[in-house]
């Protein structure tokens, strides 16, 4: 059993999140997403991703 690399995608635009989730999953990553900073912090503590892709222009 192999362990997939983990990525957390943080963006308030659901279309961007879905595009990233789809493509990263196809590339062999385990992907979780968050729509805001508070949710991202909670998910990062539980999911422990290797990479966080963060939108810097969120409200």
Protein backbone atom coordinates (compact mmCIF):
# COMPACT_ATOMS: atom_id res chain seq x y z
CA UNK A 1 0.00 0.00 0.00
CA UNK A 2 1.49 3.34 -1.04
CA UNK A 3 0.84 6.62 0.72
CA UNK A 4 -0.28 9.43 -1.58
CA UNK A 5 1.32 12.86 -1.16
CA UNK A 6 -1.16 15.25 0.50
CA UNK A 7 -2.13 18.70 -0.78
CA UNK A 8 -4.48 21.20 0.85
CA UNK A 9 -6.09 23.65 -1.60
CA UNK A 10 -7.38 26.89 -0.04
CA UNK A 11 -9.50 29.14 -2.25
CA UNK A 12 -12.85 30.91 -1.94
CA UNK A 13 -13.71 30.23 -5.61
CA UNK A 14 -15.36 26.77 -5.82
CA UNK A 15 -14.60 26.47 -9.55
CA UNK A 16 -10.86 26.90 -8.96
CA UNK A 17 -10.96 24.41 -6.09
CA UNK A 18 -12.73 21.81 -8.24
CA UNK A 19 -10.29 22.23 -11.14
CA UNK A 20 -7.30 21.85 -8.82
CA UNK A 21 -8.83 18.91 -6.93
CA UNK A 22 -9.62 17.08 -10.16
CA UNK A 23 -6.23 17.58 -11.80
CA UNK A 24 -4.17 16.93 -8.68
CA UNK A 25 -6.16 13.77 -7.92
CA UNK A 26 -5.52 12.52 -11.46
CA UNK A 27 -1.82 13.22 -10.92
CA UNK A 28 -1.81 10.93 -7.87
CA UNK A 29 -2.23 13.31 -4.94
CA UNK A 30 -4.64 13.10 -2.02
CA UNK A 31 -6.39 16.47 -2.04
CA UNK A 32 -8.48 18.25 0.58
CA UNK A 33 -9.86 21.77 0.27
CA UNK A 34 -10.89 24.71 2.41
CA UNK A 35 -12.83 27.85 1.50
CA UNK A 36 -11.34 30.22 4.08
CA UNK A 37 -8.44 30.68 6.48
CA UNK A 38 -10.11 29.30 9.61
CA UNK A 39 -11.24 26.16 7.80
CA UNK A 40 -7.74 25.78 6.30
CA UNK A 41 -6.07 25.88 9.71
CA UNK A 42 -8.44 23.23 11.10
CA UNK A 43 -7.96 20.95 8.08
CA UNK A 44 -4.18 21.43 8.04
CA UNK A 45 -3.95 20.30 11.68
CA UNK A 46 -5.94 17.12 10.97
CA UNK A 47 -4.84 16.33 7.40
CA UNK A 48 -1.14 17.36 7.77
CA UNK A 49 -0.47 18.13 4.08
CA UNK A 50 2.98 18.22 2.50
CA UNK A 51 1.92 21.25 0.41
CA UNK A 52 -0.69 23.98 0.85
CA UNK A 53 -1.85 25.82 -2.28
CA UNK A 54 -3.21 29.11 -0.98
CA UNK A 55 -5.10 31.86 -2.81
CA UNK A 56 -3.58 35.14 -1.63
CA UNK A 57 -6.50 37.30 -2.83
CA UNK A 58 -9.26 35.90 -0.61
CA UNK A 59 -11.56 38.32 1.23
